Amino acid sequence: MSTPEQAGGPALLRYRPTDPTAVPGVRELLDALGLGRLEPEGLAGYGGRNDNWAGRTTSGERVFVKTVARDPDGSSGELDRALSFEALAPRVPTGSALRFPEHLGTHRPGAVSAYRLLSGARSGAEVALDGDFDEGLCRTAGRAVATLHGLDPQGAALDAGDAPLPPLEWLEAFPWSALQDRSMAQIAAWKLVQDDPGAVGALRRLRALERAAPRTPTHCDLRFDQFILADGELYLCDWEEFRLADPARDVGAFIGEWLFQATYSVFAPGPAAGDADAPPTGFDFTHEEVVRRGGEGIRRHLPRIAAFWQGYRELRAPDPQLPERAAGFAGWHLYDRLIATAQAHATLSPVARAAAGIGRTLLTRPTEAAATLRLHLPTGSPR
């Protein structure tokens, strides 16, 4: 199995978590739910920017507890959005493909939530890395996302504000506060966008098309690691960016995940990458070799993209412009994942630059890209 950096996303990485009793709200929440305390034996945490704990409580319940970010005034937009999904969750049809971990409760002052821990859970990122996110699972993912987009938001208090990415003001220059927190490789990745008038113009056009598009309940942070495979069932989680938005964001993000993994498979030595003796970083590849290996990876993943799109169309008839917007958002997703994974590096590899090149093509030529990705419009009514 390749490393998370090779695939462009984190797997379900276990680590020894911080002491939950030292985090405000954890004890209060579990007490209020009557679950007791988290047992220290077997307690684990998983990769992510926020504290989290997975384990068994003294009452015998297996739970996943997580925190989300709070603003200086104590409020939390992330928590509000996650809870707005839970409020809408009863509208999900029974037996639908949209499954999600059961929400047990939330301690608002501490921005802490508890969920029932899924047995034998594997992150979608891990499943993809192992080659197990097959066409059947992709079709299920498409049906799940279509179900989400088809939920009736009438009367629900959903965030209707614009999604924060891509930040249009950053297309001109960094704010000083943001610049200080970026690695040299991240700055270089942003420069690839800022110094490219074609990419900047395409992103501005995409945001304009988004503002005119129909809005639906949308996950808005759809990555492989937001899916969980447990007991053969696919679940979708992490609703901190959930809002009313352009559904093309979710469709494009899922497609972008496969394209990003295909590009970064250039890193991985072995027969799957086409060369058992390949160096692990890509710095020694010629441009032609990067293009060849990346192209092979994309062709391998096109059936998975097609299966997702098939599942999506089975339940939802998209608006006529959604395929092109989705291709554009897939292009932005490549830049976004490139920037995120550059955090730990000082320079950009040729493979990273190849990912940016593919993203640029999707952004600047979305009509052709949608056709290449086989995002054909439905020919009949959704079932």
Protein backbone atom coordinates (compact mmCIF):
# COMPACT_ATOMS: atom_id res chain seq x y z
CA MET A 1 0.00 0.00 0.00
CA SER A 2 1.37 3.42 -0.92
CA THR A 3 1.73 6.25 1.56
CA PRO A 4 -0.96 8.94 2.04
CA GLU A 5 1.21 11.49 0.23
CA GLN A 6 1.45 9.17 -2.77
CA ALA A 7 -2.31 9.07 -3.09
CA GLY A 8 -2.90 12.70 -2.26
CA GLY A 9 -4.96 12.13 0.87
CA PRO A 10 -4.82 10.72 4.39
CA ALA A 11 -5.74 7.16 5.18
CA LEU A 12 -7.46 6.26 8.44
CA LEU A 13 -4.31 6.75 10.52
CA ARG A 14 -4.53 5.62 14.15
CA TYR A 15 -2.56 7.44 16.82
CA ARG A 16 -2.55 7.81 20.58
CA PRO A 17 -4.98 10.67 21.21
CA THR A 18 -4.78 13.45 23.75
CA ASP A 19 -6.34 12.82 27.15
CA PRO A 20 -10.10 13.31 26.59
CA THR A 21 -10.59 14.39 30.19
CA ALA A 22 -8.39 17.42 29.48
CA VAL A 23 -10.67 18.67 26.68
CA PRO A 24 -13.65 20.77 27.82
CA GLY A 25 -16.99 19.28 26.91
CA VAL A 26 -16.04 15.63 26.42
CA ARG A 27 -16.84 14.48 29.94
CA GLU A 28 -19.94 16.69 30.12
CA LEU A 29 -21.30 15.29 26.85
CA LEU A 30 -20.74 11.64 27.74
CA ASP A 31 -22.24 12.20 31.19
CA ALA A 32 -25.31 13.87 29.69
CA LEU A 33 -25.75 10.91 27.34
CA GLY A 34 -25.39 8.45 30.21
CA LEU A 35 -22.41 6.77 28.58
CA GLY A 36 -19.88 7.08 31.41
CA ARG A 37 -16.20 7.69 30.62
CA LEU A 38 -13.99 6.66 27.72
CA GLU A 39 -11.95 3.63 28.74
CA PRO A 40 -8.20 4.33 28.31
CA GLU A 41 -7.54 0.77 27.14
CA GLY A 42 -7.84 0.55 23.37
CA LEU A 43 -8.58 4.28 22.99
CA ALA A 44 -7.47 5.59 19.60
CA GLY A 45 -7.56 8.76 17.57
CA TYR A 46 -7.59 9.22 13.81
CA GLY A 47 -5.94 11.63 11.42
CA GLY A 48 -7.53 15.06 11.14
CA ARG A 49 -7.12 18.66 12.19
CA ASN A 50 -9.31 18.31 15.30
CA ASP A 51 -9.04 16.19 18.43
CA ASN A 52 -11.00 12.94 18.25
CA TRP A 53 -11.32 9.70 20.17
CA ALA A 54 -12.62 6.25 19.26
CA GLY A 55 -13.20 3.60 21.88
CA ARG A 56 -15.47 2.02 24.43
CA THR A 57 -17.10 3.83 27.34
CA THR A 58 -17.52 2.48 30.85
CA SER A 59 -21.17 1.77 29.98
CA GLY A 60 -20.03 -0.54 27.17
CA GLU A 61 -21.00 1.77 24.29
CA ARG A 62 -18.51 2.10 21.41
CA VAL A 63 -18.34 5.75 20.37
CA PHE A 64 -16.47 8.21 18.20
CA VAL A 65 -16.10 11.65 19.80
CA LYS A 66 -14.75 14.66 17.93
CA THR A 67 -14.22 18.38 18.36
CA VAL A 68 -14.57 21.07 15.72
CA ALA A 69 -13.06 24.52 15.45
CA ARG A 70 -14.50 27.42 17.42
CA ASP A 71 -14.27 31.12 16.67
CA PRO A 72 -12.77 33.52 19.24
CA ASP A 73 -16.28 34.44 20.44
CA GLY A 74 -17.02 30.79 21.20
CA SER A 75 -19.34 30.21 18.25
CA SER A 76 -18.67 27.51 15.66
CA GLY A 77 -19.88 27.69 12.09
CA GLU A 78 -18.56 24.17 11.55
CA LEU A 79 -20.67 22.80 14.38
CA ASP A 80 -23.75 24.72 13.24
CA ARG A 81 -23.44 23.27 9.73
CA ALA A 82 -22.89 19.72 11.01
CA LEU A 83 -25.95 19.98 13.23
CA SER A 84 -28.00 21.40 10.35
CA PHE A 85 -27.35 18.13 8.51
CA GLU A 86 -28.45 16.12 11.53
CA ALA A 87 -31.66 18.18 11.60
CA LEU A 88 -32.25 17.35 7.93
CA ALA A 89 -31.24 13.68 8.29
CA PRO A 90 -34.77 12.44 9.15
CA ARG A 91 -35.76 13.40 5.58
CA VAL A 92 -33.34 10.83 4.12
CA PRO A 93 -35.51 8.00 2.69
CA THR A 94 -35.33 4.74 4.60
CA GLY A 95 -33.13 2.22 2.81
CA SER A 96 -31.46 4.82 0.60
CA ALA A 97 -27.79 4.70 -0.38
CA LEU A 98 -27.08 7.74 1.83
CA ARG A 99 -25.85 6.27 5.11
CA PHE A 100 -24.12 8.18 7.90
CA PRO A 101 -22.93 7.40 11.43
CA GLU A 102 -25.59 7.82 14.10
CA HIS A 103 -25.30 11.13 15.92
CA LEU A 104 -25.65 10.57 19.67
CA GLY A 105 -25.41 14.14 20.89
CA THR A 106 -23.47 17.39 21.03
CA HIS A 107 -22.04 19.63 23.74
CA ARG A 108 -22.34 23.06 22.11
CA PRO A 109 -20.12 25.09 24.48
CA GLY A 110 -17.23 22.70 23.88
CA ALA A 111 -18.07 22.08 20.17
CA VAL A 112 -17.88 18.35 20.89
CA SER A 113 -20.07 15.69 19.25
CA ALA A 114 -20.44 11.96 19.79
CA TYR A 115 -21.36 9.31 17.20
CA ARG A 116 -21.89 5.58 17.36
CA LEU A 117 -18.61 3.95 16.35
CA LEU A 118 -18.93 1.82 13.24
CA SER A 119 -17.55 -1.71 13.57
CA GLY A 120 -14.54 -2.56 11.41
CA ALA A 121 -14.54 0.87 9.80
CA ARG A 122 -12.07 1.73 7.04
CA SER A 123 -11.62 5.22 5.65
CA GLY A 124 -12.53 5.63 1.99
CA ALA A 125 -8.99 6.94 1.50
CA GLU A 126 -7.61 3.67 2.83
CA VAL A 127 -10.05 1.69 0.69
CA ALA A 128 -8.95 3.62 -2.41
CA LEU A 129 -5.26 3.16 -1.59
CA ASP A 130 -5.78 -0.59 -1.29
CA GLY A 131 -7.54 -0.68 -4.65
CA ASP A 132 -10.86 -1.71 -3.09
CA PHE A 133 -12.91 1.40 -3.95
CA ASP A 134 -14.24 -0.41 -6.98
CA GLU A 135 -16.88 0.48 -9.52
CA GLY A 136 -19.66 -0.95 -7.35
CA LEU A 137 -18.72 1.29 -4.42
CA CYS A 138 -18.37 4.27 -6.78
CA ARG A 139 -21.89 3.68 -8.08
CA THR A 140 -23.13 3.50 -4.47
CA ALA A 141 -21.30 6.76 -3.72
CA GLY A 142 -23.00 8.37 -6.71
CA ARG A 143 -26.42 7.25 -5.50
CA ALA A 144 -25.64 8.52 -1.99
CA VAL A 145 -24.61 11.95 -3.26
CA ALA A 146 -27.67 12.12 -5.53
CA THR A 147 -29.89 11.30 -2.54
CA LEU A 148 -28.25 14.11 -0.56
CA HIS A 149 -28.76 16.58 -3.40
CA GLY A 150 -32.39 15.52 -3.72
CA LEU A 151 -33.35 16.24 -0.09
CA ASP A 152 -36.02 18.89 0.37
CA PRO A 153 -34.43 21.84 2.23
CA GLN A 154 -37.72 23.69 2.65
CA GLY A 155 -37.95 25.08 6.16
CA ALA A 156 -34.51 23.79 7.18
CA ALA A 157 -32.02 26.26 8.61
CA LEU A 158 -29.14 25.54 6.23
CA ASP A 159 -26.15 27.80 5.64
CA ALA A 160 -26.79 29.56 2.35
CA GLY A 161 -23.50 31.44 2.23
CA ASP A 162 -20.90 30.87 -0.45
CA ALA A 163 -18.46 28.03 0.11
CA PRO A 164 -15.05 29.48 1.04
CA LEU A 165 -12.95 27.77 -1.63
CA PRO A 166 -11.53 28.83 -3.97
CA PRO A 167 -10.95 32.19 -2.22
CA LEU A 168 -11.17 34.68 -5.08
CA GLU A 169 -9.27 37.37 -3.17
CA TRP A 170 -6.27 35.03 -2.94
CA LEU A 171 -6.10 34.86 -6.73
CA GLU A 172 -4.52 38.30 -6.65
CA ALA A 173 -2.28 38.06 -3.57
CA PHE A 174 -1.99 36.44 -0.15
CA PRO A 175 -3.04 38.27 2.98
CA TRP A 176 0.00 38.49 5.22
CA SER A 177 -1.67 36.41 7.95
CA ALA A 178 -2.21 33.53 5.51
CA LEU A 179 1.28 33.76 4.03
CA GLN A 180 2.93 33.18 7.39
CA ASP A 181 1.19 29.82 7.86
CA ARG A 182 2.09 28.36 4.45
CA SER A 183 5.07 26.18 3.54
CA MET A 184 7.34 27.15 0.66
CA ALA A 185 5.75 24.42 -1.45
CA GLN A 186 2.26 25.71 -0.69
CA ILE A 187 3.29 29.23 -1.68
CA ALA A 188 4.75 27.83 -4.90
CA ALA A 189 1.49 25.94 -5.55
CA TRP A 190 -0.56 29.11 -5.09
CA LYS A 191 1.84 30.96 -7.39
CA LEU A 192 1.01 28.43 -10.12
CA VAL A 193 -2.53 29.79 -9.95
CA GLN A 194 -1.81 33.46 -9.32
CA ASP A 195 0.69 33.74 -12.17
CA ASP A 196 -1.67 32.07 -14.66
CA PRO A 197 -4.25 34.51 -16.09
CA GLY A 198 -6.05 31.65 -17.79
CA ALA A 199 -6.54 29.74 -14.55
CA VAL A 200 -7.52 32.87 -12.63
CA GLY A 201 -10.09 33.80 -15.27
CA ALA A 202 -11.48 30.26 -15.33
CA LEU A 203 -11.90 30.23 -11.55
CA ARG A 204 -13.73 33.55 -11.63
CA ARG A 205 -16.04 32.26 -14.38
CA LEU A 206 -16.67 29.07 -12.39
CA ARG A 207 -17.67 31.04 -9.29
CA ALA A 208 -20.00 33.17 -11.44
CA LEU A 209 -21.63 30.06 -12.92
CA GLU A 210 -21.94 28.63 -9.41
CA ARG A 211 -23.82 31.70 -8.18
CA ALA A 212 -26.36 31.25 -11.00
CA ALA A 213 -26.74 27.48 -10.54
CA PRO A 214 -29.58 25.71 -8.71
CA ARG A 215 -28.69 25.07 -5.06
CA THR A 216 -29.25 21.86 -3.16
CA PRO A 217 -28.11 20.40 0.17
CA THR A 218 -24.43 19.75 -0.57
CA HIS A 219 -21.58 18.20 1.41
CA CYS A 220 -19.00 20.72 0.06
CA ASP A 221 -15.96 18.79 1.39
CA LEU A 222 -16.29 15.50 -0.46
CA ARG A 223 -13.04 13.54 -0.31
CA PHE A 224 -12.28 9.85 -0.03
CA ASP A 225 -11.59 10.20 3.69
CA GLN A 226 -15.13 11.49 4.23
CA PHE A 227 -16.41 8.05 3.27
CA ILE A 228 -16.30 5.08 5.64
CA LEU A 229 -16.66 1.44 4.64
CA ALA A 230 -18.01 -0.72 7.48
CA ASP A 231 -19.50 -4.21 7.25
CA GLY A 232 -19.80 -3.82 3.49
CA GLU A 233 -21.80 -0.58 3.73
CA LEU A 234 -20.61 2.83 2.56
CA TYR A 235 -21.17 5.79 4.91
CA LEU A 236 -20.65 9.52 4.42
CA CYS A 237 -19.49 11.63 7.37
CA ASP A 238 -17.94 14.98 8.43
CA TRP A 239 -20.63 17.54 7.68
CA GLU A 240 -18.82 20.68 8.88
CA GLU A 241 -19.04 22.32 5.41
CA PHE A 242 -22.60 21.17 4.66
CA ARG A 243 -24.76 23.93 3.17
CA LEU A 244 -27.03 24.93 0.29
CA ALA A 245 -24.66 25.09 -2.66
CA ASP A 246 -24.05 24.08 -6.25
CA PRO A 247 -24.31 20.26 -6.41
CA ALA A 248 -21.54 20.33 -9.04
CA ARG A 249 -19.13 20.90 -6.13
CA ASP A 250 -19.67 17.38 -4.80
CA VAL A 251 -19.69 15.72 -8.21
CA GLY A 252 -16.51 17.53 -9.23
CA ALA A 253 -14.77 16.78 -5.94
CA PHE A 254 -15.36 13.03 -6.22
CA ILE A 255 -14.07 13.05 -9.79
CA GLY A 256 -11.14 15.21 -8.72
CA GLU A 257 -10.21 12.69 -6.02
CA TRP A 258 -9.73 9.98 -8.65
CA LEU A 259 -7.80 12.28 -10.97
CA PHE A 260 -5.54 13.39 -8.14
CA GLN A 261 -4.89 9.81 -7.08
CA ALA A 262 -4.18 8.89 -10.70
CA THR A 263 -1.64 11.68 -11.01
CA TYR A 264 0.04 10.89 -7.71
CA SER A 265 0.23 7.19 -8.56
CA VAL A 266 3.27 8.32 -10.54
CA PHE A 267 4.99 8.33 -7.14
CA ALA A 268 4.25 4.67 -6.46
CA PRO A 269 6.79 2.11 -7.70
CA GLY A 270 5.59 -1.25 -8.85
CA PRO A 271 3.74 -2.83 -11.78
CA ALA A 272 0.59 -0.77 -11.11
CA ALA A 273 2.58 2.36 -11.83
CA GLY A 274 4.27 0.80 -14.85
CA ASP A 275 7.85 0.56 -13.52
CA ALA A 276 9.04 -1.63 -10.64
CA ASP A 277 12.29 0.32 -10.34
CA ALA A 278 10.74 3.79 -10.37
CA PRO A 279 12.03 6.31 -7.82
CA PRO A 280 9.51 7.08 -5.05
CA THR A 281 9.41 10.85 -5.43
CA GLY A 282 9.05 11.62 -9.11
CA PHE A 283 11.88 14.19 -9.08
CA ASP A 284 13.95 12.02 -11.44
CA PHE A 285 11.19 11.59 -14.03
CA THR A 286 11.30 13.37 -17.32
CA HIS A 287 8.29 15.47 -18.28
CA GLU A 288 7.33 12.88 -20.86
CA GLU A 289 7.49 10.09 -18.26
CA VAL A 290 5.31 12.03 -15.84
CA VAL A 291 2.73 12.66 -18.58
CA ARG A 292 2.77 9.02 -19.72
CA ARG A 293 2.40 7.51 -16.26
CA GLY A 294 -0.22 10.07 -15.21
CA GLY A 295 -2.23 9.41 -18.35
CA GLU A 296 -2.19 5.68 -17.68
CA GLY A 297 -3.46 6.30 -14.16
CA ILE A 298 -6.31 8.49 -15.37
CA ARG A 299 -7.40 5.88 -17.92
CA ARG A 300 -7.46 3.22 -15.19
CA HIS A 301 -9.82 5.33 -13.09
CA LEU A 302 -12.24 6.45 -15.81
CA PRO A 303 -14.51 3.40 -15.24
CA ARG A 304 -14.81 4.37 -11.56
CA ILE A 305 -15.77 7.92 -12.50
CA ALA A 306 -18.31 6.54 -14.98
CA ALA A 307 -19.79 4.27 -12.30
CA PHE A 308 -20.19 7.20 -9.90
CA TRP A 309 -21.89 9.27 -12.60
CA GLN A 310 -24.16 6.35 -13.49
CA GLY A 311 -25.24 5.97 -9.87
CA TYR A 312 -25.83 9.70 -9.59
CA ARG A 313 -27.97 9.84 -12.75
CA GLU A 314 -30.04 6.85 -11.64
CA LEU A 315 -31.57 8.98 -8.89
CA ARG A 316 -31.23 12.55 -10.06
CA ALA A 317 -31.50 14.40 -13.36
CA PRO A 318 -28.82 17.13 -13.20
CA ASP A 319 -29.31 20.57 -14.67
CA PRO A 320 -27.88 20.88 -18.21
CA GLN A 321 -24.79 22.86 -17.16
CA LEU A 322 -23.83 20.64 -14.20
CA PRO A 323 -21.35 18.44 -16.14
CA GLU A 324 -19.28 21.44 -17.21
CA ARG A 325 -19.34 23.00 -13.75
CA ALA A 326 -18.41 19.62 -12.25
CA ALA A 327 -15.43 19.38 -14.60
CA GLY A 328 -14.38 22.86 -13.46
CA PHE A 329 -14.71 21.94 -9.80
CA ALA A 330 -12.73 18.75 -10.46
CA GLY A 331 -9.99 21.02 -11.81
CA TRP A 332 -10.10 23.21 -8.71
CA HIS A 333 -10.03 20.07 -6.55
CA LEU A 334 -6.69 19.10 -8.07
CA TYR A 335 -5.25 22.49 -7.12
CA ASP A 336 -6.85 22.30 -3.67
CA ARG A 337 -5.43 18.85 -2.90
CA LEU A 338 -2.06 19.86 -4.32
CA ILE A 339 -1.95 22.88 -2.01
CA ALA A 340 -3.03 20.81 1.00
CA THR A 341 -0.47 18.05 0.47
CA ALA A 342 2.31 20.61 -0.13
CA GLN A 343 2.12 21.70 3.51
CA ALA A 344 4.95 19.40 4.60
CA HIS A 345 7.27 20.10 1.66
CA ALA A 346 9.74 22.79 0.68
CA THR A 347 9.45 22.38 -3.10
CA LEU A 348 6.96 21.08 -5.62
CA SER A 349 7.81 17.85 -7.43
CA PRO A 350 7.25 17.42 -11.19
CA VAL A 351 4.29 15.20 -10.33
CA ALA A 352 2.72 18.00 -8.30
CA ARG A 353 3.14 20.33 -11.25
CA ALA A 354 1.55 17.71 -13.49
CA ALA A 355 -1.48 17.65 -11.17
CA ALA A 356 -1.72 21.43 -11.53
CA GLY A 357 -1.51 21.06 -15.29
CA ILE A 358 -4.42 18.63 -15.37
CA GLY A 359 -6.40 20.90 -13.06
CA ARG A 360 -5.76 23.82 -15.38
CA THR A 361 -7.01 21.86 -18.39
CA LEU A 362 -10.23 20.95 -16.60
CA LEU A 363 -10.78 24.55 -15.50
CA THR A 364 -10.05 26.24 -18.80
CA ARG A 365 -11.68 23.65 -21.09
CA PRO A 366 -14.63 22.35 -19.07
CA THR A 367 -16.83 21.40 -22.04
CA GLU A 368 -14.17 19.15 -23.55
CA ALA A 369 -13.23 17.85 -20.11
CA ALA A 370 -16.83 16.87 -19.33
CA ALA A 371 -16.98 14.92 -22.58
CA THR A 372 -13.65 13.20 -21.89
CA LEU A 373 -14.83 12.26 -18.40
CA ARG A 374 -18.05 10.87 -19.95
CA LEU A 375 -20.31 13.13 -17.93
CA HIS A 376 -23.18 12.60 -20.33
CA LEU A 377 -26.60 13.97 -19.52
CA PRO A 378 -29.40 11.51 -18.74
CA THR A 379 -31.55 10.40 -21.64
CA GLY A 380 -34.60 9.58 -19.54
CA SER A 381 -36.27 10.37 -16.27
CA PRO A 382 -34.53 9.46 -13.03
CA ARG A 383 -35.80 6.30 -11.42
